[in-house]
Structures are given as C-alpha cells and as structure tokens.
C-alpha cells in the first residue's frame, strides 16, 4: 500500500514539473515576442529565397 502511495506522489510531482516547464516555455515566448517574430520571419524569408534561387537555376538550365 505504501509503495503505491509513493508512486502516485512521484507521478503527481512529475506531472506538476512538466506543467511548469510548459508554462515557463510559453512565458519565455511571450516575454520575447519580438525576438520570436524576427526569428520566424527570418526562417520564412530564407526558405522562400532558397526556393526562388532553385527555380531560377532550373530555368537557366533549361535555356
């Protein structure tokens, strides 16, 4: 009986720790909203650039 109670307590502690980590991560994103937006836009624009360059070279090879 004691063993199951100890396991339940450790499971509850782990669940609380996970929730805290999730909340901390989300809180950090909200605190650094501008930085997150800048990094996200950089990634999006870089991927668009790579796609455009790829298509440009593909067109040049066909000429």
PDB file of N, CA and C in Angstrom:
ATOM      1  N   UNK A   1       0.818  -1.192   0.000  1.00  0.00           N
ATOM      2  CA  UNK A   1       0.000   0.000   0.000  1.00  0.00           C
ATOM      3  C   UNK A   1       0.868   1.265   0.000  1.00  0.00           C
ATOM      4  N   UNK A   2       1.900   1.227   0.808  1.00  0.00           N
ATOM      5  CA  UNK A   2       2.773   2.397   0.884  1.00  0.00           C
ATOM      6  C   UNK A   2       3.493   2.623  -0.447  1.00  0.00           C
ATOM      7  N   UNK A   3       3.838   1.530  -1.066  1.00  0.00           N
ATOM      8  CA  UNK A   3       4.557   1.624  -2.340  1.00  0.00           C
ATOM      9  C   UNK A   3       3.714   2.341  -3.397  1.00  0.00           C
ATOM     10  N   UNK A   4       2.443   2.003  -3.488  1.00  0.00           N
ATOM     11  CA  UNK A   4       1.570   2.653  -4.474  1.00  0.00           C
ATOM     12  C   UNK A   4       1.368   4.120  -4.132  1.00  0.00           C
ATOM     13  N   UNK A   5       1.267   4.442  -2.868  1.00  0.00           N
ATOM     14  CA  UNK A   5       1.116   5.845  -2.476  1.00  0.00           C
ATOM     15  C   UNK A   5       2.358   6.645  -2.871  1.00  0.00           C
ATOM     16  N   UNK A   6       3.533   6.058  -2.677  1.00  0.00           N
ATOM     17  CA  UNK A   6       4.771   6.741  -3.048  1.00  0.00           C
ATOM     18  C   UNK A   6       4.848   6.954  -4.562  1.00  0.00           C
ATOM     19  N   UNK A   7       4.425   5.951  -5.318  1.00  0.00           N
ATOM     20  CA  UNK A   7       4.437   6.075  -6.772  1.00  0.00           C
ATOM     21  C   UNK A   7       3.466   7.134  -7.245  1.00  0.00           C
ATOM     22  N   UNK A   8       2.307   7.178  -6.649  1.00  0.00           N
ATOM     23  CA  UNK A   8       1.326   8.191  -7.039  1.00  0.00           C
ATOM     24  C   UNK A   8       1.849   9.586  -6.743  1.00  0.00           C
ATOM     25  N   UNK A   9       2.508   9.733  -5.627  1.00  0.00           N
ATOM     26  CA  UNK A   9       3.070  11.043  -5.279  1.00  0.00           C
ATOM     27  C   UNK A   9       4.154  11.453  -6.268  1.00  0.00           C
ATOM     28  N   UNK A  10       5.010  10.524  -6.660  1.00  0.00           N
ATOM     29  CA  UNK A  10       6.065  10.867  -7.615  1.00  0.00           C
ATOM     30  C   UNK A  10       5.475  11.189  -8.985  1.00  0.00           C
ATOM     31  N   UNK A  11       4.410  10.485  -9.357  1.00  0.00           N
ATOM     32  CA  UNK A  11       3.759  10.776 -10.632  1.00  0.00           C
ATOM     33  C   UNK A  11       3.146  12.167 -10.622  1.00  0.00           C
ATOM     34  N   UNK A  12       2.540  12.531  -9.501  1.00  0.00           N
ATOM     35  CA  UNK A  12       1.948  13.867  -9.396  1.00  0.00           C
ATOM     36  C   UNK A  12       3.024  14.938  -9.470  1.00  0.00           C
ATOM     37  N   UNK A  13       4.152  14.710  -8.832  1.00  0.00           N
ATOM     38  CA  UNK A  13       5.254  15.677  -8.857  1.00  0.00           C
ATOM     39  C   UNK A  13       5.787  15.817 -10.275  1.00  0.00           C
ATOM     40  N   UNK A  14       5.946  14.703 -10.983  1.00  0.00           N
ATOM     41  CA  UNK A  14       6.439  14.753 -12.364  1.00  0.00           C
ATOM     42  C   UNK A  14       5.465  15.512 -13.258  1.00  0.00           C
ATOM     43  N   UNK A  15       4.185  15.278 -13.059  1.00  0.00           N
ATOM     44  CA  UNK A  15       3.179  15.972 -13.865  1.00  0.00           C
ATOM     45  C   UNK A  15       3.227  17.470 -13.596  1.00  0.00           C
ATOM     46  N   UNK A  16       3.364  17.843 -12.340  1.00  0.00           N
ATOM     47  CA  UNK A  16       3.468  19.259 -11.995  1.00  0.00           C
ATOM     48  C   UNK A  16       4.716  19.878 -12.608  1.00  0.00           C
ATOM     49  N   UNK A  17       5.832  19.166 -12.572  1.00  0.00           N
ATOM     50  CA  UNK A  17       7.073  19.678 -13.149  1.00  0.00           C
ATOM     51  C   UNK A  17       6.922  19.886 -14.645  1.00  0.00           C
ATOM     52  N   UNK A  18       6.261  18.950 -15.312  1.00  0.00           N
ATOM     53  CA  UNK A  18       6.059  19.080 -16.751  1.00  0.00           C
ATOM     54  C   UNK A  18       5.184  20.285 -17.062  1.00  0.00           C
ATOM     55  N   UNK A  19       4.127  20.462 -16.285  1.00  0.00           N
ATOM     56  CA  UNK A  19       3.256  21.623 -16.493  1.00  0.00           C
ATOM     57  C   UNK A  19       4.031  22.914 -16.263  1.00  0.00           C
ATOM     58  N   UNK A  20       4.878  22.923 -15.274  1.00  0.00           N
ATOM     59  CA  UNK A  20       5.670  24.117 -15.004  1.00  0.00           C
ATOM     60  C   UNK A  20       6.621  24.405 -16.149  1.00  0.00           C
ATOM     61  N   UNK A  21       7.235  23.362 -16.695  1.00  0.00           N
ATOM     62  CA  UNK A  21       8.147  23.565 -17.812  1.00  0.00           C
ATOM     63  C   UNK A  21       7.408  24.110 -19.024  1.00  0.00           C
ATOM     64  N   UNK A  22       6.224  23.574 -19.295  1.00  0.00           N
ATOM     65  CA  UNK A  22       5.423  24.073 -20.408  1.00  0.00           C
ATOM     66  C   UNK A  22       5.060  25.540 -20.196  1.00  0.00           C
ATOM     67  N   UNK A  23       4.643  25.871 -19.007  1.00  0.00           N
ATOM     68  CA  UNK A  23       4.268  27.256 -18.714  1.00  0.00           C
ATOM     69  C   UNK A  23       5.473  28.186 -18.812  1.00  0.00           C
ATOM     70  N   UNK A  24       6.620  27.708 -18.358  1.00  0.00           N
ATOM     71  CA  UNK A  24       7.834  28.525 -18.448  1.00  0.00           C
ATOM     72  C   UNK A  24       8.212  28.781 -19.900  1.00  0.00           C
ATOM     73  N   UNK A  25       8.097  27.738 -20.718  1.00  0.00           N
ATOM     74  CA  UNK A  25       8.440  27.879 -22.129  1.00  0.00           C
ATOM     75  C   UNK A  25       7.513  28.869 -22.820  1.00  0.00           C
ATOM     76  N   UNK A  26       6.226  28.747 -22.578  1.00  0.00           N
ATOM     77  CA  UNK A  26       5.250  29.658 -23.181  1.00  0.00           C
ATOM     78  C   UNK A  26       5.469  31.075 -22.656  1.00  0.00           C
ATOM     79  N   UNK A  27       5.772  31.195 -21.389  1.00  0.00           N
ATOM     80  CA  UNK A  27       6.024  32.514 -20.808  1.00  0.00           C
ATOM     81  C   UNK A  27       7.251  33.167 -21.451  1.00  0.00           C
ATOM     82  N   UNK A  28       8.299  32.382 -21.698  1.00  0.00           N
ATOM     83  CA  UNK A  28       9.501  32.917 -22.339  1.00  0.00           C
ATOM     84  C   UNK A  28       9.193  33.408 -23.752  1.00  0.00           C
ATOM     85  N   UNK A  29       8.350  32.680 -24.459  1.00  0.00           N
ATOM     86  CA  UNK A  29       7.978  33.108 -25.805  1.00  0.00           C
ATOM     87  C   UNK A  29       7.234  34.432 -25.744  1.00  0.00           C
ATOM     88  N   UNK A  30       6.307  34.551 -24.817  1.00  0.00           N
ATOM     89  CA  UNK A  30       5.564  35.807 -24.703  1.00  0.00           C
ATOM     90  C   UNK A  30       6.451  36.963 -24.259  1.00  0.00           C
ATOM     91  N   UNK A  31       7.425  36.674 -23.415  1.00  0.00           N
ATOM     92  CA  UNK A  31       8.339  37.730 -22.977  1.00  0.00           C
ATOM     93  C   UNK A  31       9.213  38.217 -24.124  1.00  0.00           C
ATOM     94  N   UNK A  32       9.580  37.322 -25.019  1.00  0.00           N
ATOM     95  CA  UNK A  32      10.462  37.661 -26.126  1.00  0.00           C
ATOM     96  C   UNK A  32       9.699  37.618 -27.442  1.00  0.00           C
ATOM     97  N   UNK A  33       8.563  38.247 -27.448  1.00  0.00           N
ATOM     98  CA  UNK A  33       7.688  38.188 -28.610  1.00  0.00           C
ATOM     99  C   UNK A  33       8.361  38.750 -29.861  1.00  0.00           C
ATOM    100  N   UNK A  34       9.043  39.872 -29.734  1.00  0.00           N
ATOM    101  CA  UNK A  34       9.685  40.487 -30.908  1.00  0.00           C
ATOM    102  C   UNK A  34      10.792  39.598 -31.448  1.00  0.00           C
ATOM    103  N   UNK A  35      11.554  39.030 -30.561  1.00  0.00           N
ATOM    104  CA  UNK A  35      12.647  38.168 -30.989  1.00  0.00           C
ATOM    105  C   UNK A  35      12.097  36.928 -31.677  1.00  0.00           C
ATOM    106  N   UNK A  36      11.032  36.384 -31.164  1.00  0.00           N
ATOM    107  CA  UNK A  36      10.413  35.211 -31.788  1.00  0.00           C
ATOM    108  C   UNK A  36       9.903  35.553 -33.179  1.00  0.00           C
ATOM    109  N   UNK A  37       9.291  36.702 -33.312  1.00  0.00           N
ATOM    110  CA  UNK A  37       8.769  37.118 -34.615  1.00  0.00           C
ATOM    111  C   UNK A  37       9.905  37.345 -35.612  1.00  0.00           C
ATOM    112  N   UNK A  38      10.987  37.926 -35.153  1.00  0.00           N
ATOM    113  CA  UNK A  38      12.127  38.177 -36.035  1.00  0.00           C
ATOM    114  C   UNK A  38      12.725  36.854 -36.511  1.00  0.00           C
ATOM    115  N   UNK A  39      12.898  35.919 -35.618  1.00  0.00           N
ATOM    116  CA  UNK A  39      13.473  34.625 -35.994  1.00  0.00           C
ATOM    117  C   UNK A  39      12.537  33.877 -36.929  1.00  0.00           C
ATOM    118  N   UNK A  40      11.250  33.905 -36.643  1.00  0.00           N
ATOM    119  CA  UNK A  40      10.281  33.232 -37.503  1.00  0.00           C
ATOM    120  C   UNK A  40      10.257  33.846 -38.897  1.00  0.00           C
ATOM    121  N   UNK A  41      10.254  35.158 -38.982  1.00  0.00           N
ATOM    122  CA  UNK A  41      10.257  35.805 -40.294  1.00  0.00           C
ATOM    123  C   UNK A  41      11.560  35.524 -41.044  1.00  0.00           C
ATOM    124  N   UNK A  42      12.670  35.473 -40.342  1.00  0.00           N
ATOM    125  CA  UNK A  42      13.945  35.139 -40.973  1.00  0.00           C
ATOM    126  C   UNK A  42      13.907  33.740 -41.582  1.00  0.00           C
ATOM    127  N   UNK A  43      13.365  32.799 -40.860  1.00  0.00           N
ATOM    128  CA  UNK A  43      13.275  31.425 -41.363  1.00  0.00           C
ATOM    129  C   UNK A  43      12.365  31.360 -42.584  1.00  0.00           C
ATOM    130  N   UNK A  44      11.233  32.027 -42.527  1.00  0.00           N
ATOM    131  CA  UNK A  44      10.287  32.016 -43.649  1.00  0.00           C
ATOM    132  C   UNK A  44      10.908  32.665 -44.878  1.00  0.00           C
ATOM    133  N   UNK A  45      11.503  33.827 -44.713  1.00  0.00           N
ATOM    134  CA  UNK A  45      12.093  34.524 -45.850  1.00  0.00           C
ATOM    135  C   UNK A  45      13.286  33.764 -46.422  1.00  0.00           C
ATOM    136  N   UNK A  46      14.048  33.131 -45.576  1.00  0.00           N
ATOM    137  CA  UNK A  46      15.179  32.335 -46.060  1.00  0.00           C
ATOM    138  C   UNK A  46      14.697  31.150 -46.885  1.00  0.00           C
ATOM    139  N   UNK A  47      13.654  30.511 -46.428  1.00  0.00           N
ATOM    140  CA  UNK A  47      13.137  29.372 -47.193  1.00  0.00           C
ATOM    141  C   UNK A  47      12.562  29.825 -48.533  1.00  0.00           C
ATOM    142  N   UNK A  48      11.892  30.963 -48.555  1.00  0.00           N
ATOM    143  CA  UNK A  48      11.374  31.497 -49.821  1.00  0.00           C
ATOM    144  C   UNK A  48      12.535  31.823 -50.764  1.00  0.00           C
ATOM    145  N   UNK A  49      13.584  32.386 -50.217  1.00  0.00           N
ATOM    146  CA  UNK A  49      14.753  32.719 -51.016  1.00  0.00           C
ATOM    147  C   UNK A  49      15.372  31.464 -51.634  1.00  0.00           C
ATOM    148  N   UNK A  50      15.514  30.420 -50.868  1.00  0.00           N
ATOM    149  CA  UNK A  50      16.098  29.174 -51.367  1.00  0.00           C
ATOM    150  C   UNK A  50      15.231  28.614 -52.488  1.00  0.00           C
ATOM    151  N   UNK A  51      13.936  28.630 -52.311  1.00  0.00           N
ATOM    152  CA  UNK A  51      13.027  28.115 -53.336  1.00  0.00           C
ATOM    153  C   UNK A  51      13.140  28.932 -54.621  1.00  0.00           C
ATOM    154  N   UNK A  52      13.201  30.234 -54.489  1.00  0.00           N
ATOM    155  CA  UNK A  52      13.302  31.090 -55.675  1.00  0.00           C
ATOM    156  C   UNK A  52      14.625  30.869 -56.410  1.00  0.00           C
ATOM    157  N   UNK A  53      15.713  30.746 -55.680  1.00  0.00           N
ATOM    158  CA  UNK A  53      17.013  30.510 -56.310  1.00  0.00           C
ATOM    159  C   UNK A  53      17.018  29.159 -57.008  1.00  0.00           C
ATOM    160  N   UNK A  54      16.446  28.166 -56.393  1.00  0.00           N
ATOM    161  CA  UNK A  54      16.369  26.844 -57.007  1.00  0.00           C
ATOM    162  C   UNK A  54      15.606  26.893 -58.334  1.00  0.00           C
ATOM    163  N   UNK A  55      14.480  27.553 -58.329  1.00  0.00           N
ATOM    164  CA  UNK A  55      13.692  27.653 -59.561  1.00  0.00           C
ATOM    165  C   UNK A  55      14.405  28.489 -60.628  1.00  0.00           C
ATOM    166  N   UNK A  56      15.105  29.514 -60.199  1.00  0.00           N
ATOM    167  CA  UNK A  56      15.854  30.332 -61.140  1.00  0.00           C
ATOM    168  C   UNK A  56      16.934  29.498 -61.837  1.00  0.00           C
ATOM    169  N   UNK A  57      17.689  28.718 -61.071  1.00  0.00           N
ATOM    170  CA  UNK A  57      18.715  27.883 -61.683  1.00  0.00           C
ATOM    171  C   UNK A  57      18.114  26.796 -62.564  1.00  0.00           C
ATOM    172  N   UNK A  58      16.991  26.305 -62.189  1.00  0.00           N
ATOM    173  CA  UNK A  58      16.311  25.314 -63.008  1.00  0.00           C
ATOM    174  C   UNK A  58      15.904  25.916 -64.367  1.00  0.00           C
ATOM    175  N   UNK A  59      15.426  27.156 -64.346  1.00  0.00           N
ATOM    176  CA  UNK A  59      15.070  27.859 -65.594  1.00  0.00           C
ATOM    177  C   UNK A  59      16.330  28.086 -66.422  1.00  0.00           C
ATOM    178  N   UNK A  60      17.423  28.477 -65.783  1.00  0.00           N
ATOM    179  CA  UNK A  60      18.669  28.712 -66.518  1.00  0.00           C
ATOM    180  C   UNK A  60      19.199  27.436 -67.168  1.00  0.00           C
ATOM    181  N   UNK A  61      19.029  26.327 -66.551  1.00  0.00           N
ATOM    182  CA  UNK A  61      19.487  25.064 -67.128  1.00  0.00           C
ATOM    183  C   UNK A  61      18.670  24.670 -68.341  1.00  0.00           C
ATOM    184  N   UNK A  62      17.425  25.089 -68.384  1.00  0.00           N
ATOM    185  CA  UNK A  62      16.548  24.734 -69.497  1.00  0.00           C
ATOM    186  C   UNK A  62      16.825  25.592 -70.736  1.00  0.00           C
ATOM    187  N   UNK A  63      17.480  26.714 -70.558  1.00  0.00           N
ATOM    188  CA  UNK A  63      17.731  27.609 -71.691  1.00  0.00           C
ATOM    189  C   UNK A  63      18.853  27.076 -72.541  1.00  0.00           C
TER     190      UNK A  63
END
